[in-house]
Amino acid sequence: LHKTTQNNEWLGILLQRYTLLLFGVCMKYFKNETLA
C-alpha cells in the first residue's frame, strides 16, 4: 500500500506494530531507557 500510494501513514502503522520490539532491542544494547 505504501509503495502504490506513497502515503507514509501505511509505514507509520507498520512501524507502530514493532515499537516494543525495537525498544527491547535498544534496551538490550544500551541498557538505558532514554537512549533506547
All heavy atoms as atom14 arrays in JSON, in Angstrom:
{
  "sequence": "LHKTTQNNEWLGILLQRYTLLLFGVCMKYFKNETLA",
  "atom14_mask": [
    [1, 1, 1, 1, 1, 1, 1, 1, 0, 0, 0, 0, 0, 0],
    [1, 1, 1, 1, 1, 1, 1, 1, 1, 1, 0, 0, 0, 0],
    [1, 1, 1, 1, 1, 1, 1, 1, 1, 0, 0, 0, 0, 0],
    [1, 1, 1, 1, 1, 1, 1, 0, 0, 0, 0, 0, 0, 0],
    [1, 1, 1, 1, 1, 1, 1, 0, 0, 0, 0, 0, 0, 0],
    [1, 1, 1, 1, 1, 1, 1, 1, 1, 0, 0, 0, 0, 0],
    [1, 1, 1, 1, 1, 1, 1, 1, 0, 0, 0, 0, 0, 0],
    [1, 1, 1, 1, 1, 1, 1, 1, 0, 0, 0, 0, 0, 0],
    [1, 1, 1, 1, 1, 1, 1, 1, 1, 0, 0, 0, 0, 0],
    [1, 1, 1, 1, 1, 1, 1, 1, 1, 1, 1, 1, 1, 1],
    [1, 1, 1, 1, 1, 1, 1, 1, 0, 0, 0, 0, 0, 0],
    [1, 1, 1, 1, 0, 0, 0, 0, 0, 0, 0, 0, 0, 0],
    [1, 1, 1, 1, 1, 1, 1, 1, 0, 0, 0, 0, 0, 0],
    [1, 1, 1, 1, 1, 1, 1, 1, 0, 0, 0, 0, 0, 0],
    [1, 1, 1, 1, 1, 1, 1, 1, 0, 0, 0, 0, 0, 0],
    [1, 1, 1, 1, 1, 1, 1, 1, 1, 0, 0, 0, 0, 0],
    [1, 1, 1, 1, 1, 1, 1, 1, 1, 1, 1, 0, 0, 0],
    [1, 1, 1, 1, 1, 1, 1, 1, 1, 1, 1, 1, 0, 0],
    [1, 1, 1, 1, 1, 1, 1, 0, 0, 0, 0, 0, 0, 0],
    [1, 1, 1, 1, 1, 1, 1, 1, 0, 0, 0, 0, 0, 0],
    [1, 1, 1, 1, 1, 1, 1, 1, 0, 0, 0, 0, 0, 0],
    [1, 1, 1, 1, 1, 1, 1, 1, 0, 0, 0, 0, 0, 0],
    [1, 1, 1, 1, 1, 1, 1, 1, 1, 1, 1, 0, 0, 0],
    [1, 1, 1, 1, 0, 0, 0, 0, 0, 0, 0, 0, 0, 0],
    [1, 1, 1, 1, 1, 1, 1, 0, 0, 0, 0, 0, 0, 0],
    [1, 1, 1, 1, 1, 1, 0, 0, 0, 0, 0, 0, 0, 0],
    [1, 1, 1, 1, 1, 1, 1, 1, 0, 0, 0, 0, 0, 0],
    [1, 1, 1, 1, 1, 1, 1, 1, 1, 0, 0, 0, 0, 0],
    [1, 1, 1, 1, 1, 1, 1, 1, 1, 1, 1, 1, 0, 0],
    [1, 1, 1, 1, 1, 1, 1, 1, 1, 1, 1, 0, 0, 0],
    [1, 1, 1, 1, 1, 1, 1, 1, 1, 0, 0, 0, 0, 0],
    [1, 1, 1, 1, 1, 1, 1, 1, 0, 0, 0, 0, 0, 0],
    [1, 1, 1, 1, 1, 1, 1, 1, 1, 0, 0, 0, 0, 0],
    [1, 1, 1, 1, 1, 1, 1, 0, 0, 0, 0, 0, 0, 0],
    [1, 1, 1, 1, 1, 1, 1, 1, 0, 0, 0, 0, 0, 0],
    [1, 1, 1, 1, 1, 0, 0, 0, 0, 0, 0, 0, 0, 0]
  ],
  "atom14_positions": [
    [[0.83, -1.21, 0.0], [0.0, 0.0, 0.0], [0.86, 1.26, 0.0], [0.57, 2.23, -0.7], [-0.94, 0.01, 1.21], [-2.19, -0.84, 1.08], [-2.88, -0.98, 2.42], [-3.13, -0.24, 0.05], [0.0, 0.0, 0.0], [0.0, 0.0, 0.0], [0.0, 0.0, 0.0], [0.0, 0.0, 0.0], [0.0, 0.0, 0.0], [0.0, 0.0, 0.0]],
    [[1.93, 1.24, 0.78], [2.83, 2.39, 0.79], [3.48, 2.58, -0.57], [3.6, 3.7, -1.07], [3.91, 2.25, 1.87], [4.93, 3.33, 1.78], [6.14, 3.16, 1.15], [4.91, 4.61, 2.2], [6.82, 4.29, 1.2], [6.09, 5.18, 1.82], [0.0, 0.0, 0.0], [0.0, 0.0, 0.0], [0.0, 0.0, 0.0], [0.0, 0.0, 0.0]],
    [[3.92, 1.48, -1.16], [4.6, 1.56, -2.45], [3.67, 2.11, -3.53], [4.1, 2.92, -4.36], [5.12, 0.17, -2.85], [6.05, 0.18, -4.02], [6.63, -1.21, -4.26], [7.82, -1.38, -3.35], [8.62, -2.57, -3.64], [0.0, 0.0, 0.0], [0.0, 0.0, 0.0], [0.0, 0.0, 0.0], [0.0, 0.0, 0.0], [0.0, 0.0, 0.0]],
    [[2.42, 1.71, -3.5], [1.49, 2.16, -4.55], [0.93, 3.55, -4.29], [0.68, 4.29, -5.24], [0.32, 1.17, -4.73], [-0.35, 1.0, -3.49], [0.82, -0.17, -5.23], [0.0, 0.0, 0.0], [0.0, 0.0, 0.0], [0.0, 0.0, 0.0], [0.0, 0.0, 0.0], [0.0, 0.0, 0.0], [0.0, 0.0, 0.0], [0.0, 0.0, 0.0]],
    [[0.74, 3.92, -3.03], [0.13, 5.23, -2.73], [1.15, 6.3, -2.33], [0.81, 7.48, -2.29], [-0.9, 5.12, -1.59], [-0.21, 4.74, -0.39], [-1.98, 4.11, -1.93], [0.0, 0.0, 0.0], [0.0, 0.0, 0.0], [0.0, 0.0, 0.0], [0.0, 0.0, 0.0], [0.0, 0.0, 0.0], [0.0, 0.0, 0.0], [0.0, 0.0, 0.0]],
    [[2.37, 5.88, -1.96], [3.4, 6.81, -1.46], [2.94, 7.54, -0.2], [3.41, 8.63, 0.1], [3.81, 7.82, -2.54], [4.4, 7.2, -3.78], [5.67, 6.43, -3.5], [6.57, 6.93, -2.86], [5.74, 5.2, -3.96], [0.0, 0.0, 0.0], [0.0, 0.0, 0.0], [0.0, 0.0, 0.0], [0.0, 0.0, 0.0], [0.0, 0.0, 0.0]],
    [[2.02, 6.93, 0.53], [1.48, 7.53, 1.76], [2.24, 6.94, 2.95], [2.17, 5.73, 3.22], [-0.02, 7.22, 1.86], [-0.67, 7.89, 3.05], [0.0, 8.38, 3.95], [-1.99, 7.91, 3.05], [0.0, 0.0, 0.0], [0.0, 0.0, 0.0], [0.0, 0.0, 0.0], [0.0, 0.0, 0.0], [0.0, 0.0, 0.0], [0.0, 0.0, 0.0]],
    [[2.96, 7.79, 3.68], [3.75, 7.34, 4.83], [2.9, 6.87, 6.0], [3.42, 6.28, 6.94], [4.71, 8.43, 5.29], [5.92, 8.54, 4.39], [6.24, 7.62, 3.66], [6.59, 9.67, 4.45], [0.0, 0.0, 0.0], [0.0, 0.0, 0.0], [0.0, 0.0, 0.0], [0.0, 0.0, 0.0], [0.0, 0.0, 0.0], [0.0, 0.0, 0.0]],
    [[1.6, 7.12, 5.95], [0.72, 6.65, 7.02], [0.76, 5.12, 7.11], [0.72, 4.56, 8.2], [-0.71, 7.13, 6.77], [-1.65, 6.81, 7.92], [-3.03, 7.39, 7.69], [-3.15, 8.41, 6.99], [-3.98, 6.81, 8.23], [0.0, 0.0, 0.0], [0.0, 0.0, 0.0], [0.0, 0.0, 0.0], [0.0, 0.0, 0.0], [0.0, 0.0, 0.0]],
    [[0.87, 4.45, 5.96], [0.94, 2.99, 5.96], [2.22, 2.52, 6.65], [2.2, 1.53, 7.4], [0.86, 2.44, 4.55], [-0.43, 2.77, 3.87], [-0.6, 3.54, 2.76], [-1.74, 2.35, 4.27], [-1.94, 3.63, 2.44], [-2.67, 2.91, 3.35], [-2.24, 1.56, 5.3], [-4.03, 2.7, 3.44], [-3.6, 1.35, 5.39], [-4.48, 1.91, 4.47]],
    [[3.31, 3.21, 6.42], [4.56, 2.86, 7.11], [4.46, 3.14, 8.6], [5.01, 2.4, 9.41], [5.74, 3.64, 6.52], [6.19, 3.22, 5.13], [7.39, 4.06, 4.7], [6.51, 1.75, 5.07], [0.0, 0.0, 0.0], [0.0, 0.0, 0.0], [0.0, 0.0, 0.0], [0.0, 0.0, 0.0], [0.0, 0.0, 0.0], [0.0, 0.0, 0.0]],
    [[3.77, 4.2, 8.96], [3.56, 4.52, 10.37], [2.83, 3.41, 11.1], [3.2, 3.03, 12.21], [0.0, 0.0, 0.0], [0.0, 0.0, 0.0], [0.0, 0.0, 0.0], [0.0, 0.0, 0.0], [0.0, 0.0, 0.0], [0.0, 0.0, 0.0], [0.0, 0.0, 0.0], [0.0, 0.0, 0.0], [0.0, 0.0, 0.0], [0.0, 0.0, 0.0]],
    [[1.81, 2.87, 10.44], [1.06, 1.76, 11.03], [1.97, 0.55, 11.19], [1.99, -0.12, 12.23], [-0.16, 1.41, 10.16], [-1.17, 2.56, 10.17], [-0.81, 0.11, 10.61], [-2.22, 2.48, 9.09], [0.0, 0.0, 0.0], [0.0, 0.0, 0.0], [0.0, 0.0, 0.0], [0.0, 0.0, 0.0], [0.0, 0.0, 0.0], [0.0, 0.0, 0.0]],
    [[2.76, 0.28, 10.17], [3.67, -0.86, 10.2], [4.74, -0.7, 11.28], [4.98, -1.63, 12.07], [4.33, -1.01, 8.82], [5.2, -2.22, 8.58], [4.45, -3.5, 8.85], [5.71, -2.2, 7.15], [0.0, 0.0, 0.0], [0.0, 0.0, 0.0], [0.0, 0.0, 0.0], [0.0, 0.0, 0.0], [0.0, 0.0, 0.0], [0.0, 0.0, 0.0]],
    [[5.34, 0.45, 11.37], [6.38, 0.68, 12.38], [5.79, 0.64, 13.79], [6.45, 0.17, 14.72], [7.08, 2.01, 12.13], [7.98, 2.03, 10.9], [8.42, 3.45, 10.58], [9.19, 1.13, 11.09], [0.0, 0.0, 0.0], [0.0, 0.0, 0.0], [0.0, 0.0, 0.0], [0.0, 0.0, 0.0], [0.0, 0.0, 0.0], [0.0, 0.0, 0.0]],
    [[4.57, 1.12, 13.94], [3.92, 1.1, 15.25], [3.78, -0.32, 15.78], [3.9, -0.56, 16.97], [2.56, 1.79, 15.16], [1.89, 1.97, 16.49], [0.57, 2.73, 16.34], [0.05, 2.9, 15.24], [0.03, 3.18, 17.44], [0.0, 0.0, 0.0], [0.0, 0.0, 0.0], [0.0, 0.0, 0.0], [0.0, 0.0, 0.0], [0.0, 0.0, 0.0]],
    [[3.56, -1.27, 14.88], [3.45, -2.67, 15.28], [4.72, -3.19, 15.96], [4.67, -4.1, 16.77], [3.2, -3.56, 14.06], [1.85, -3.44, 13.48], [1.69, -4.38, 12.32], [0.36, -4.24, 11.77], [-0.09, -4.91, 10.72], [0.7, -5.78, 10.12], [-1.3, -4.73, 10.29], [0.0, 0.0, 0.0], [0.0, 0.0, 0.0], [0.0, 0.0, 0.0]],
    [[5.85, -2.62, 15.58], [7.14, -3.13, 16.04], [7.84, -2.22, 17.04], [9.02, -2.4, 17.32], [8.04, -3.43, 14.84], [7.47, -4.56, 14.02], [6.76, -4.32, 12.86], [7.6, -5.87, 14.46], [6.21, -5.36, 12.14], [7.05, -6.91, 13.75], [6.36, -6.65, 12.59], [5.81, -7.69, 11.88], [0.0, 0.0, 0.0], [0.0, 0.0, 0.0]],
    [[7.12, -1.26, 17.59], [7.71, -0.33, 18.55], [8.3, -1.06, 19.75], [9.43, -0.78, 20.16], [6.67, 0.71, 19.01], [6.2, 1.42, 17.86], [7.27, 1.69, 19.99], [0.0, 0.0, 0.0], [0.0, 0.0, 0.0], [0.0, 0.0, 0.0], [0.0, 0.0, 0.0], [0.0, 0.0, 0.0], [0.0, 0.0, 0.0], [0.0, 0.0, 0.0]],
    [[7.56, -1.99, 20.32], [8.06, -2.71, 21.5], [9.26, -3.58, 21.16], [10.2, -3.68, 21.96], [6.95, -3.54, 22.14], [5.89, -2.75, 22.88], [4.8, -3.67, 23.41], [6.49, -1.93, 24.0], [0.0, 0.0, 0.0], [0.0, 0.0, 0.0], [0.0, 0.0, 0.0], [0.0, 0.0, 0.0], [0.0, 0.0, 0.0], [0.0, 0.0, 0.0]],
    [[9.26, -4.2, 20.0], [10.42, -4.98, 19.57], [11.65, -4.1, 19.47], [12.72, -4.43, 19.99], [10.14, -5.65, 18.22], [11.36, -6.32, 17.57], [11.7, -7.62, 18.27], [11.11, -6.55, 16.09], [0.0, 0.0, 0.0], [0.0, 0.0, 0.0], [0.0, 0.0, 0.0], [0.0, 0.0, 0.0], [0.0, 0.0, 0.0], [0.0, 0.0, 0.0]],
    [[11.49, -2.95, 18.83], [12.62, -2.04, 18.67], [13.1, -1.51, 20.01], [14.31, -1.42, 20.24], [12.23, -0.87, 17.76], [11.85, -1.24, 16.33], [11.4, -0.02, 15.56], [12.99, -1.95, 15.63], [0.0, 0.0, 0.0], [0.0, 0.0, 0.0], [0.0, 0.0, 0.0], [0.0, 0.0, 0.0], [0.0, 0.0, 0.0], [0.0, 0.0, 0.0]],
    [[12.16, -1.18, 20.88], [12.54, -0.7, 22.22], [13.31, -1.79, 22.96], [14.31, -1.51, 23.62], [11.29, -0.27, 23.0], [11.61, 0.28, 24.36], [12.21, 1.51, 24.5], [11.33, -0.47, 25.49], [12.52, 2.01, 25.76], [11.62, 0.02, 26.75], [12.22, 1.26, 26.89], [0.0, 0.0, 0.0], [0.0, 0.0, 0.0], [0.0, 0.0, 0.0]],
    [[12.86, -3.02, 22.86], [13.55, -4.13, 23.52], [14.95, -4.34, 22.99], [15.9, -4.57, 23.76], [0.0, 0.0, 0.0], [0.0, 0.0, 0.0], [0.0, 0.0, 0.0], [0.0, 0.0, 0.0], [0.0, 0.0, 0.0], [0.0, 0.0, 0.0], [0.0, 0.0, 0.0], [0.0, 0.0, 0.0], [0.0, 0.0, 0.0], [0.0, 0.0, 0.0]],
    [[15.12, -4.24, 21.69], [16.46, -4.37, 21.09], [17.36, -3.25, 21.6], [18.5, -3.5, 22.01], [16.38, -4.35, 19.54], [17.76, -4.28, 18.93], [15.64, -5.58, 19.04], [0.0, 0.0, 0.0], [0.0, 0.0, 0.0], [0.0, 0.0, 0.0], [0.0, 0.0, 0.0], [0.0, 0.0, 0.0], [0.0, 0.0, 0.0], [0.0, 0.0, 0.0]],
    [[16.85, -2.03, 21.59], [17.65, -0.89, 22.05], [18.0, -1.01, 23.54], [19.12, -0.7, 23.94], [16.92, 0.42, 21.77], [16.82, 0.84, 20.02], [0.0, 0.0, 0.0], [0.0, 0.0, 0.0], [0.0, 0.0, 0.0], [0.0, 0.0, 0.0], [0.0, 0.0, 0.0], [0.0, 0.0, 0.0], [0.0, 0.0, 0.0], [0.0, 0.0, 0.0]],
    [[17.05, -1.48, 24.34], [17.34, -1.67, 25.78], [18.41, -2.73, 25.98], [19.27, -2.6, 26.86], [16.07, -2.06, 26.53], [15.16, -0.91, 26.87], [15.89, 0.33, 27.96], [16.05, -0.6, 29.48], [0.0, 0.0, 0.0], [0.0, 0.0, 0.0], [0.0, 0.0, 0.0], [0.0, 0.0, 0.0], [0.0, 0.0, 0.0], [0.0, 0.0, 0.0]],
    [[18.37, -3.78, 25.18], [19.37, -4.85, 25.27], [20.78, -4.29, 25.08], [21.7, -4.65, 25.8], [19.07, -5.92, 24.22], [20.1, -7.01, 24.14], [19.76, -7.97, 23.03], [20.89, -8.96, 22.81], [20.64, -9.82, 21.66], [0.0, 0.0, 0.0], [0.0, 0.0, 0.0], [0.0, 0.0, 0.0], [0.0, 0.0, 0.0], [0.0, 0.0, 0.0]],
    [[20.92, -3.41, 24.12], [22.25, -2.87, 23.8], [22.63, -1.67, 24.66], [23.77, -1.56, 25.1], [22.35, -2.5, 22.32], [22.44, -3.71, 21.43], [21.33, -4.21, 20.77], [23.66, -4.37, 21.26], [21.43, -5.33, 19.96], [23.76, -5.49, 20.46], [22.65, -5.96, 19.82], [22.75, -7.08, 19.02], [0.0, 0.0, 0.0], [0.0, 0.0, 0.0]],
    [[21.7, -0.75, 24.88], [22.04, 0.49, 25.57], [21.88, 0.4, 27.08], [22.52, 1.16, 27.81], [21.17, 1.65, 25.05], [21.37, 1.96, 23.6], [20.31, 2.35, 22.82], [22.62, 1.87, 23.01], [20.48, 2.66, 21.48], [22.81, 2.17, 21.67], [21.73, 2.56, 20.9], [0.0, 0.0, 0.0], [0.0, 0.0, 0.0], [0.0, 0.0, 0.0]],
    [[20.99, -0.45, 27.56], [20.72, -0.6, 29.0], [20.38, 0.75, 29.65], [20.75, 1.02, 30.78], [21.9, -1.27, 29.7], [22.13, -2.68, 29.21], [23.34, -3.3, 29.83], [23.63, -4.7, 29.38], [23.32, -5.12, 28.07], [0.0, 0.0, 0.0], [0.0, 0.0, 0.0], [0.0, 0.0, 0.0], [0.0, 0.0, 0.0], [0.0, 0.0, 0.0]],
    [[19.67, 1.58, 28.89], [19.28, 2.91, 29.34], [17.98, 3.27, 28.63], [17.94, 3.3, 27.4], [20.39, 3.91, 29.01], [20.04, 5.32, 29.4], [19.06, 5.89, 28.93], [20.87, 5.9, 30.25], [0.0, 0.0, 0.0], [0.0, 0.0, 0.0], [0.0, 0.0, 0.0], [0.0, 0.0, 0.0], [0.0, 0.0, 0.0], [0.0, 0.0, 0.0]],
    [[16.94, 3.55, 29.4], [15.62, 3.79, 28.83], [15.6, 5.01, 27.9], [15.0, 4.97, 26.82], [14.59, 3.95, 29.94], [13.17, 4.02, 29.43], [12.14, 4.05, 30.54], [12.46, 3.65, 31.69], [11.01, 4.47, 30.26], [0.0, 0.0, 0.0], [0.0, 0.0, 0.0], [0.0, 0.0, 0.0], [0.0, 0.0, 0.0], [0.0, 0.0, 0.0]],
    [[16.24, 6.08, 28.31], [16.24, 7.29, 27.49], [16.96, 7.06, 26.16], [16.46, 7.45, 25.1], [16.91, 8.45, 28.26], [16.22, 8.64, 29.48], [16.88, 9.73, 27.45], [0.0, 0.0, 0.0], [0.0, 0.0, 0.0], [0.0, 0.0, 0.0], [0.0, 0.0, 0.0], [0.0, 0.0, 0.0], [0.0, 0.0, 0.0], [0.0, 0.0, 0.0]],
    [[18.12, 6.42, 26.22], [18.85, 6.11, 24.98], [18.05, 5.16, 24.11], [18.06, 5.28, 22.88], [20.22, 5.51, 25.3], [21.24, 6.44, 25.94], [22.52, 5.68, 26.28], [21.54, 7.61, 25.02], [0.0, 0.0, 0.0], [0.0, 0.0, 0.0], [0.0, 0.0, 0.0], [0.0, 0.0, 0.0], [0.0, 0.0, 0.0], [0.0, 0.0, 0.0]],
    [[17.35, 4.21, 24.72], [16.54, 3.26, 23.96], [15.39, 3.97, 23.25], [15.12, 3.71, 22.07], [16.02, 2.16, 24.87], [0.0, 0.0, 0.0], [0.0, 0.0, 0.0], [0.0, 0.0, 0.0], [0.0, 0.0, 0.0], [0.0, 0.0, 0.0], [0.0, 0.0, 0.0], [0.0, 0.0, 0.0], [0.0, 0.0, 0.0], [0.0, 0.0, 0.0]]
  ]
}
